[in-house]
Protein backbone atom coordinates (compact mmCIF):
# COMPACT_ATOMS: atom_id res chain seq x y z
CA MET A 1 53.58 69.21 -15.62
CA THR A 2 54.48 69.39 -19.46
CA HIS A 3 56.61 72.31 -20.76
CA SER A 4 57.57 72.46 -24.32
CA GLN A 5 60.71 74.44 -24.84
CA GLN A 6 60.45 75.12 -28.62
CA HIS A 7 62.38 78.28 -28.28
CA ARG A 8 65.63 76.62 -28.07
CA GLY A 9 64.76 73.36 -29.72
CA SER A 10 64.95 71.05 -26.69
CA GLY A 11 62.25 69.56 -24.45
CA CYS A 12 61.43 68.78 -20.86
CA ALA A 13 58.34 66.30 -20.57
CA ARG A 14 57.72 66.19 -16.90
CA LEU A 15 54.31 64.60 -17.11
CA ALA A 16 54.24 61.38 -17.77
CA GLY A 17 44.63 50.87 -12.02
CA VAL A 18 44.11 50.07 -8.97
CA ALA A 19 40.42 50.78 -8.00
CA GLY A 20 39.56 52.46 -4.64
CA LEU A 21 41.52 54.19 -1.75
CA ILE A 22 44.44 52.40 -0.25
CA ILE A 23 46.21 53.70 2.72
CA LEU A 24 49.86 52.51 3.34
CA LEU A 25 52.05 52.59 6.33
CA ALA A 26 55.46 52.29 4.65
CA THR A 27 58.77 51.07 5.90
CA ALA A 28 61.03 54.09 7.02
CA ILE A 29 64.32 54.54 5.36
CA THR A 30 67.23 56.18 7.38
CA ALA A 31 69.58 58.36 5.45
CA GLN A 32 71.90 61.14 6.92
CA ALA A 33 70.71 60.49 10.48
CA GLN A 34 67.15 61.28 9.06
CA THR A 35 63.97 59.12 8.81
CA PHE A 36 62.47 58.97 5.45
CA THR A 37 58.95 57.73 5.40
CA THR A 38 56.16 57.30 2.90
CA LEU A 39 52.80 58.60 4.30
CA HIS A 40 50.76 57.50 1.29
CA SER A 41 51.63 55.75 -2.17
CA PHE A 42 49.17 56.92 -4.93
CA THR A 43 47.41 54.17 -6.69
CA GLY A 44 45.82 55.86 -9.66
CA GLY A 45 42.32 55.39 -8.48
CA SER A 46 40.08 57.66 -6.46
CA ASP A 47 43.19 58.62 -4.42
CA GLY A 48 44.71 60.19 -7.69
CA ALA A 49 47.91 60.03 -9.33
CA ASN A 50 51.27 62.19 -9.90
CA PRO A 51 51.23 64.71 -7.05
CA TYR A 52 53.22 67.40 -8.90
CA ALA A 53 52.53 69.99 -6.31
CA GLY A 54 53.71 70.17 -2.75
CA LEU A 55 51.65 70.26 0.28
CA THR A 56 49.88 72.84 2.69
CA MET A 57 49.52 72.24 6.48
CA ASP A 58 46.55 73.52 8.52
CA GLN A 59 46.73 74.47 12.13
CA ALA A 60 45.55 71.21 13.17
CA GLY A 61 48.43 69.49 11.60
CA ASN A 62 46.57 68.29 8.53
CA LEU A 63 48.04 67.96 5.10
CA TYR A 64 46.39 69.19 1.93
CA GLY A 65 47.51 68.54 -1.65
CA THR A 66 46.62 67.88 -5.31
CA ALA A 67 47.16 65.08 -7.71
CA GLY A 68 47.39 65.88 -11.20
CA TYR A 69 45.78 62.83 -12.49
CA GLY A 70 43.65 59.73 -11.24
CA GLY A 71 40.26 60.44 -9.90
CA TYR A 72 37.30 60.86 -12.34
CA THR A 73 37.78 59.06 -15.63
CA GLY A 74 34.31 59.58 -17.43
CA GLY A 75 34.00 62.03 -20.28
CA SER A 76 37.30 63.64 -21.50
CA CYS A 77 39.02 62.57 -18.38
CA GLY A 78 39.31 58.90 -19.40
CA SER A 79 41.90 59.73 -22.21
CA SER A 80 44.23 61.45 -19.75
CA GLY A 81 43.88 58.76 -16.89
CA GLY A 82 41.70 60.92 -14.83
CA CYS A 83 41.28 64.67 -14.24
CA GLY A 84 42.99 64.75 -10.86
CA ILE A 85 41.98 65.51 -7.29
CA VAL A 86 42.33 67.58 -4.19
CA PHE A 87 42.96 65.57 -1.09
CA LYS A 88 43.66 65.68 2.56
CA LEU A 89 46.02 63.67 4.81
CA LYS A 90 45.16 63.46 8.49
CA HIS A 91 47.12 61.67 11.23
CA GLU A 92 45.37 59.24 13.25
CA ALA A 93 46.44 56.64 15.80
CA SER A 94 47.07 54.17 12.89
CA GLY A 95 49.10 56.40 10.89
CA TRP A 96 48.12 59.05 8.12
CA VAL A 97 44.89 58.45 6.32
CA LEU A 98 44.07 60.12 2.93
CA SER A 99 40.67 61.47 1.99
CA PRO A 100 39.84 62.64 -1.43
CA LEU A 101 38.07 66.02 -1.07
CA TYR A 102 37.13 66.72 -4.86
CA GLN A 103 37.56 64.83 -8.03
CA PHE A 104 37.67 67.36 -11.20
CA THR A 105 35.46 66.42 -14.24
CA GLY A 106 36.88 68.52 -17.03
CA PRO A 107 34.47 71.44 -17.24
CA ASP A 108 35.25 72.42 -13.43
CA GLY A 109 39.05 71.92 -14.21
CA ALA A 110 41.30 69.23 -14.95
CA SER A 111 45.08 68.50 -13.95
CA PRO A 112 45.74 70.57 -10.84
CA GLN A 113 49.69 70.82 -10.68
CA ALA A 114 49.99 73.65 -8.08
CA ARG A 115 49.52 73.48 -4.32
CA VAL A 116 46.17 74.42 -2.92
CA ILE A 117 46.57 77.34 -0.41
CA ILE A 118 44.24 78.29 2.72
CA GLY A 119 42.69 81.42 2.02
CA PRO A 120 41.58 84.27 4.58
CA ASP A 121 38.16 82.80 4.71
CA GLY A 122 39.48 79.29 5.50
CA ASN A 123 38.60 77.84 2.12
CA LEU A 124 41.14 76.22 -0.14
CA TYR A 125 42.27 78.01 -3.48
CA GLY A 126 44.14 76.61 -6.31
CA THR A 127 44.50 76.21 -10.09
CA THR A 128 44.12 73.57 -12.77
CA THR A 129 46.41 73.55 -15.86
CA TYR A 130 43.46 72.33 -18.15
CA GLY A 131 39.83 72.28 -18.17
CA GLY A 132 37.45 75.11 -17.78
CA THR A 133 35.31 76.76 -20.52
CA ALA A 134 38.16 76.70 -22.98
CA ASN A 135 40.32 73.82 -21.57
CA GLN A 136 42.97 76.24 -20.72
CA GLY A 137 42.87 76.10 -17.08
CA THR A 138 41.10 77.28 -13.91
CA VAL A 139 41.11 79.11 -10.66
CA PHE A 140 39.09 77.49 -8.02
CA LYS A 141 37.95 77.58 -4.47
CA LEU A 142 36.85 74.56 -2.40
CA SER A 143 34.65 74.85 0.54
CA PRO A 144 33.91 72.15 3.02
CA PRO A 145 30.40 70.71 3.34
CA PRO A 146 27.98 73.14 5.17
CA SER A 147 27.06 70.32 7.78
CA ALA A 148 29.00 67.69 9.38
CA CYS A 149 29.66 64.70 7.17
CA ARG A 150 29.11 61.25 8.45
CA SER A 151 30.70 59.54 5.51
CA PHE A 152 34.43 58.90 5.04
CA LEU A 153 34.30 59.99 1.61
CA CYS A 154 32.66 63.52 1.96
CA PRO A 155 33.40 65.70 -1.14
CA TRP A 156 33.88 69.57 -0.74
CA ARG A 157 32.17 71.94 -2.89
CA GLU A 158 34.12 73.55 -5.74
CA THR A 159 33.68 77.08 -7.37
CA VAL A 160 35.43 78.01 -10.55
CA LEU A 161 36.60 81.58 -9.93
CA TYR A 162 38.16 82.02 -13.39
CA SER A 163 38.31 80.05 -16.76
CA PHE A 164 41.27 80.94 -18.82
CA GLN A 165 40.57 81.59 -22.41
CA GLY A 166 43.92 81.00 -23.84
CA GLY A 167 44.48 84.39 -25.33
CA SER A 168 45.66 87.70 -23.80
CA ASP A 169 44.26 86.62 -20.50
CA GLY A 170 46.71 83.89 -20.10
CA GLU A 171 46.59 79.97 -20.29
CA GLN A 172 47.67 76.89 -18.44
CA PRO A 173 48.91 77.92 -15.02
CA GLN A 174 50.98 75.14 -13.54
CA LEU A 175 53.22 74.87 -10.45
CA ALA A 176 52.76 78.63 -9.47
CA ASP A 177 51.01 79.16 -5.96
CA LEU A 178 48.32 81.53 -5.65
CA VAL A 179 48.74 84.60 -3.30
CA PHE A 180 46.04 86.79 -1.59
CA ASP A 181 46.80 90.68 -0.56
CA ARG A 182 45.34 92.02 2.52
CA GLN A 183 42.15 93.24 0.52
CA GLY A 184 41.51 89.88 -0.46
CA ASN A 185 42.37 89.87 -4.01
CA ILE A 186 44.07 87.00 -5.52
CA TYR A 187 47.46 87.07 -7.59
CA GLY A 188 48.95 84.55 -10.01
CA THR A 189 50.85 83.82 -13.07
CA THR A 190 50.46 81.76 -16.23
CA PRO A 191 53.55 80.55 -18.05
CA TYR A 192 51.70 80.80 -21.52
CA GLY A 193 49.24 83.37 -23.09
CA GLY A 194 49.58 87.00 -23.20
CA THR A 195 50.68 89.04 -26.31
CA GLY A 196 54.22 88.05 -26.51
CA SER A 197 54.71 87.08 -30.18
CA SER A 198 58.23 85.84 -29.87
CA CYS A 199 57.16 82.94 -27.52
CA TYR A 200 55.49 79.60 -28.15
CA GLN A 201 51.88 80.12 -27.01
CA GLY A 202 52.65 83.50 -25.83
CA CYS A 203 55.15 84.68 -23.28
CA GLY A 204 52.84 84.60 -20.08
CA VAL A 205 51.25 86.94 -17.74
CA VAL A 206 50.85 88.03 -14.22
CA TYR A 207 47.12 88.32 -13.30
CA GLN A 208 45.02 89.66 -10.45
CA LEU A 209 41.44 88.45 -9.41
CA THR A 210 39.17 90.74 -7.80
CA PRO A 211 35.92 89.72 -5.95
CA SER A 212 33.01 91.80 -7.47
CA ASN A 213 29.23 91.33 -7.08
CA GLY A 214 29.47 87.82 -5.93
CA GLY A 215 32.00 86.80 -8.72
CA TRP A 216 35.49 87.45 -9.66
CA THR A 217 37.04 89.81 -12.40
CA GLU A 218 40.52 89.11 -13.80
CA SER A 219 42.78 91.89 -14.52
CA ILE A 220 46.14 91.41 -16.22
CA LEU A 221 48.99 93.34 -14.53
CA TYR A 222 51.89 92.63 -16.84
CA ARG A 223 52.16 90.57 -20.15
CA PHE A 224 55.47 89.35 -20.79
CA GLN A 225 56.96 90.04 -24.28
CA GLY A 226 60.03 87.66 -24.29
CA GLY A 227 62.75 90.32 -24.76
CA ASN A 228 64.83 91.70 -21.84
CA ASP A 229 61.70 91.72 -19.57
CA GLY A 230 61.57 87.89 -19.53
CA ALA A 231 58.99 85.19 -20.47
CA TYR A 232 57.45 81.96 -19.20
CA PRO A 233 56.71 82.57 -15.69
CA PHE A 234 56.25 79.23 -14.31
CA ALA A 235 57.07 80.47 -10.77
CA GLY A 236 54.59 81.97 -8.38
CA LEU A 237 54.65 85.38 -6.68
CA ILE A 238 55.44 86.86 -3.39
CA PHE A 239 54.80 90.34 -1.86
CA ASP A 240 57.34 92.66 -0.05
CA ALA A 241 56.41 94.91 2.95
CA ALA A 242 55.66 97.88 0.45
CA GLY A 243 53.19 95.86 -1.61
CA ASN A 244 55.64 94.94 -4.76
CA LEU A 245 55.43 91.61 -6.20
CA TYR A 246 58.50 89.53 -7.16
CA GLY A 247 58.73 86.42 -9.61
CA ALA A 248 60.89 84.72 -11.83
CA GLY A 249 60.51 84.06 -15.78
CA GLU A 250 62.27 80.89 -17.15
CA TYR A 251 63.31 82.44 -20.43
CA GLY A 252 64.01 85.84 -21.74
CA GLY A 253 66.24 88.62 -20.41
CA ALA A 254 69.55 89.86 -21.64
CA ASN A 255 71.16 86.34 -21.80
CA LEU A 256 67.82 84.31 -22.55
CA TYR A 257 68.22 82.28 -19.40
CA GLY A 258 65.38 83.95 -17.46
CA VAL A 259 64.96 86.65 -15.00
CA VAL A 260 63.97 87.59 -11.68
CA TYR A 261 61.38 90.54 -12.02
CA LYS A 262 59.81 92.98 -9.78
CA LEU A 263 56.26 94.73 -10.38
CA SER A 264 55.56 97.85 -8.61
CA PRO A 265 51.94 99.21 -8.46
CA SER A 266 51.31 102.86 -8.96
CA GLU A 267 48.29 104.93 -10.09
CA GLY A 268 48.86 104.27 -13.82
CA GLY A 269 49.07 100.52 -13.27
CA TRP A 270 52.01 98.05 -12.32
CA THR A 271 55.59 98.68 -13.85
CA GLU A 272 57.92 95.90 -14.35
CA SER A 273 61.87 95.98 -13.67
CA VAL A 274 64.29 93.25 -14.06
CA ILE A 275 66.48 92.87 -10.93
CA TYR A 276 68.62 89.91 -12.42
CA ALA A 277 69.18 88.23 -15.86
CA PHE A 278 70.47 84.76 -15.54
CA THR A 279 73.38 83.17 -17.56
CA ALA A 280 74.28 79.68 -18.87
CA PHE A 281 76.37 79.15 -15.74
CA SER A 282 73.59 79.79 -13.39
CA GLY A 283 70.83 77.70 -14.94
CA GLU A 284 67.17 78.93 -15.53
CA PRO A 285 64.78 79.95 -12.65
CA TYR A 286 61.55 77.63 -12.70
CA GLY A 287 60.92 77.80 -8.96
CA GLY A 288 59.65 80.67 -6.89
CA LEU A 289 61.27 82.97 -4.47
CA ILE A 290 61.42 83.57 -0.74
CA PHE A 291 62.36 86.49 1.37
CA ASP A 292 64.43 86.11 4.53
CA GLN A 293 63.87 88.82 7.59
CA ALA A 294 66.52 91.08 6.13
CA GLY A 295 64.75 91.52 2.58
CA ASN A 296 67.20 89.07 0.80
CA LEU A 297 65.76 86.84 -2.04
CA TYR A 298 66.46 83.17 -2.40
CA GLY A 299 65.95 80.85 -5.19
CA VAL A 300 67.19 77.75 -6.94
CA THR A 301 67.54 77.11 -10.70
CA SER A 302 66.93 74.19 -13.00
CA ALA A 303 69.69 72.86 -15.37
CA ILE A 304 67.60 71.80 -18.38
CA ASN A 305 69.54 73.67 -20.88
CA ALA A 306 72.63 74.90 -19.26
CA GLY A 307 74.81 74.75 -16.36
CA GLU A 308 74.00 72.86 -12.95
CA PRO A 309 71.35 73.99 -10.44
CA VAL A 310 72.49 76.93 -8.27
CA VAL A 311 70.99 77.83 -5.07
CA TYR A 312 71.37 81.67 -5.04
CA GLU A 313 70.70 84.81 -3.00
CA LEU A 314 69.79 88.15 -4.30
CA THR A 315 71.06 91.01 -1.96
CA PRO A 316 69.40 94.86 -2.43
CA SER A 317 71.59 97.69 -1.94
CA ASP A 318 70.95 101.38 -3.05
CA GLY A 319 68.12 100.27 -5.42
CA ALA A 320 70.36 97.45 -7.09
CA TRP A 321 70.47 93.58 -6.43
CA THR A 322 73.47 91.55 -6.01
CA PHE A 323 73.60 88.03 -7.08
CA ASN A 324 75.36 85.57 -4.82
CA PRO A 325 75.66 81.92 -5.80
CA LEU A 326 75.45 79.78 -2.49
CA TYR A 327 75.85 76.40 -3.64
CA THR A 328 75.90 74.34 -6.91
CA VAL A 329 74.09 71.19 -6.73
CA SER A 330 76.49 68.84 -8.49
CA ASP A 331 75.17 65.52 -10.67
CA ALA A 332 71.55 67.06 -10.74
CA TYR A 333 70.38 66.41 -14.18
CA GLN A 334 67.38 68.72 -14.19
CA GLY A 335 67.76 70.53 -11.04
CA SER A 336 64.95 72.17 -9.18
CA PHE A 337 61.44 73.14 -10.21
CA ALA A 338 60.58 74.29 -6.61
CA LYS A 339 61.13 77.26 -4.45
CA LEU A 340 63.30 76.86 -1.30
CA THR A 341 62.05 76.74 2.30
CA MET A 342 63.81 78.47 5.12
CA ASP A 343 63.68 77.10 8.81
CA PRO A 344 64.04 79.55 11.93
CA ALA A 345 67.52 78.82 12.07
CA GLY A 346 68.31 80.04 8.40
CA LYS A 347 68.69 76.65 6.87
CA LEU A 348 67.47 76.29 3.37
CA TYR A 349 65.61 73.27 2.26
CA GLY A 350 64.87 72.16 -1.51
CA THR A 351 63.99 69.33 -3.92
CA ILE A 352 65.76 68.12 -6.95
CA TYR A 353 63.73 66.72 -9.81
CA GLU A 354 66.16 64.34 -11.22
CA GLY A 355 69.59 63.55 -10.22
CA GLY A 356 71.34 64.61 -6.92
CA PRO A 357 69.42 64.25 -3.64
CA GLU A 358 65.83 64.21 -3.77
CA VAL A 359 65.71 66.52 -0.85
CA PHE A 360 68.67 68.88 0.33
CA GLN A 361 69.34 71.08 3.51
CA LEU A 362 71.82 73.95 3.14
CA THR A 363 73.32 75.02 6.56
CA PRO A 364 75.11 78.18 6.79
CA SER A 365 78.25 78.43 8.90
CA ASP A 366 81.01 81.28 8.64
CA GLY A 367 79.96 82.47 5.23
CA GLN A 368 79.95 78.98 3.74
CA TRP A 369 76.89 76.70 2.90
CA THR A 370 77.07 72.97 3.60
CA LEU A 371 74.87 70.56 1.79
CA THR A 372 73.08 67.50 3.45
CA GLY A 373 71.19 65.41 0.89
CA PHE A 374 68.32 63.05 1.62
CA SER A 375 67.26 60.14 -0.55
CA GLY A 376 64.92 57.14 -0.04
CA ASN A 377 63.25 54.76 -2.20
CA ALA A 378 60.01 56.13 -1.32
CA GLY A 379 59.19 57.87 -4.38
CA ALA A 380 60.96 59.94 -7.26
CA GLU A 381 60.87 63.26 -9.27
CA PRO A 382 59.77 65.85 -6.77
CA SER A 383 58.44 68.62 -8.36
CA ASP A 384 57.62 71.16 -5.61
CA ASN A 385 59.00 72.60 -2.28
CA VAL A 386 58.86 71.08 1.30
CA ILE A 387 57.15 72.53 4.18
CA LEU A 388 58.17 71.97 7.90
CA ASP A 389 56.15 71.56 11.14
CA ALA A 390 57.01 73.00 14.34
CA SER A 391 59.13 69.99 15.41
CA GLY A 392 61.33 70.38 12.08
CA ASN A 393 59.58 67.44 10.30
CA VAL A 394 59.77 67.90 6.61
CA TYR A 395 56.79 66.88 4.15
CA SER A 396 56.43 67.14 0.41
CA THR A 397 55.51 64.79 -2.48
CA ALA A 398 57.12 63.04 -5.34
CA SER A 399 55.18 63.01 -8.53
CA ALA A 400 56.45 59.39 -9.59
CA GLY A 401 57.60 56.12 -7.83
CA GLY A 402 56.07 54.53 -4.79
CA THR A 403 54.39 51.11 -4.72
CA TYR A 404 52.09 51.78 -7.80
CA GLY A 405 54.49 54.04 -9.67
CA LYS A 406 52.06 56.98 -9.27
CA GLY A 407 53.84 59.12 -6.65
CA VAL A 408 53.93 59.55 -3.04
CA VAL A 409 53.50 61.89 -0.10
CA PHE A 410 56.59 61.56 2.15
CA GLU A 411 57.91 62.85 5.36
CA ILE A 412 61.56 62.97 6.76
CA THR A 413 62.00 63.27 10.41
CA PRO A 414 65.01 64.38 12.48
């Protein structure tokens, strides 16, 4: 993922051929009584390269993900090292086997940097940062073949639901997950585009896609202006029980270090309110948010322009929110670009892009949080969140490193 921070004069470039598909069963590395194992090391060929996004698991335990580069290298994709792929990892007797499900070609999208999610219809949904009719990114759906496939490489069918035009409708969706409501509408963010003139490439938007007459119609719920309302919403959205949306903007707010915001629906549209404005001490919120069962919000900041990454909690009370810093992750040079994951016991898991532990676990006890860090030589620069299976095993990706330097899928087992 590339993010130009011209608004503060500093930059963060996070994007940086063996042909064919190579499946590796890597040596496990034990750290902190855990086993760190590479499930797949990307080659940059048909299996893709640079998986910036995390993973999604289906009920059968299969893993789905995206690689931002690799795959098809014809046409305009050749200059970028491939337009990226969507892949599936299936556990078999011999280990994990990766199958490319779809290779992007440019007009249908390019450089997927967000997770794919499983929609209510069982299809995969996601975004690409580039490609589409204006090369400003797409929202897509992937459907399995209509009949059983007898080939190992059996591509899924892609449908482009929306191509961003790069103006007021938004542009270049990046790490933000999509989310569905109960009616089947899709919601997401783009960090750029919109109408905010105070921001580089616009201040970003929150959008909705509604199915209509066999297609999809985009509606803009909010366009950020770059003032106290925030800007650059790299993070995805989550719903509360009342149907309100929550997210984070990396810039803007009262202190210019980003905000956590709430969007509330009404008959006249959606109303934005800022529930917390970050300071230089707490860093900037790139990653998304999660709720616990009590309705508290959790997130973690980056440390690109200020401070050290902070794992934080936002607690509601009488219509206001209280910011509680839970833990500062020392020696993390850029901090986290991912949302957290909470297990049933209330432990928090996250990733650190550069510096500090690659994966960390925070355990609550008597009002304090204890950090356990996990690092292995399997990969580098994890950009997204981890997921856990029913046994407590942890899965995610690292966008660099591995045998070929193109990133890995990894597992951490108790």
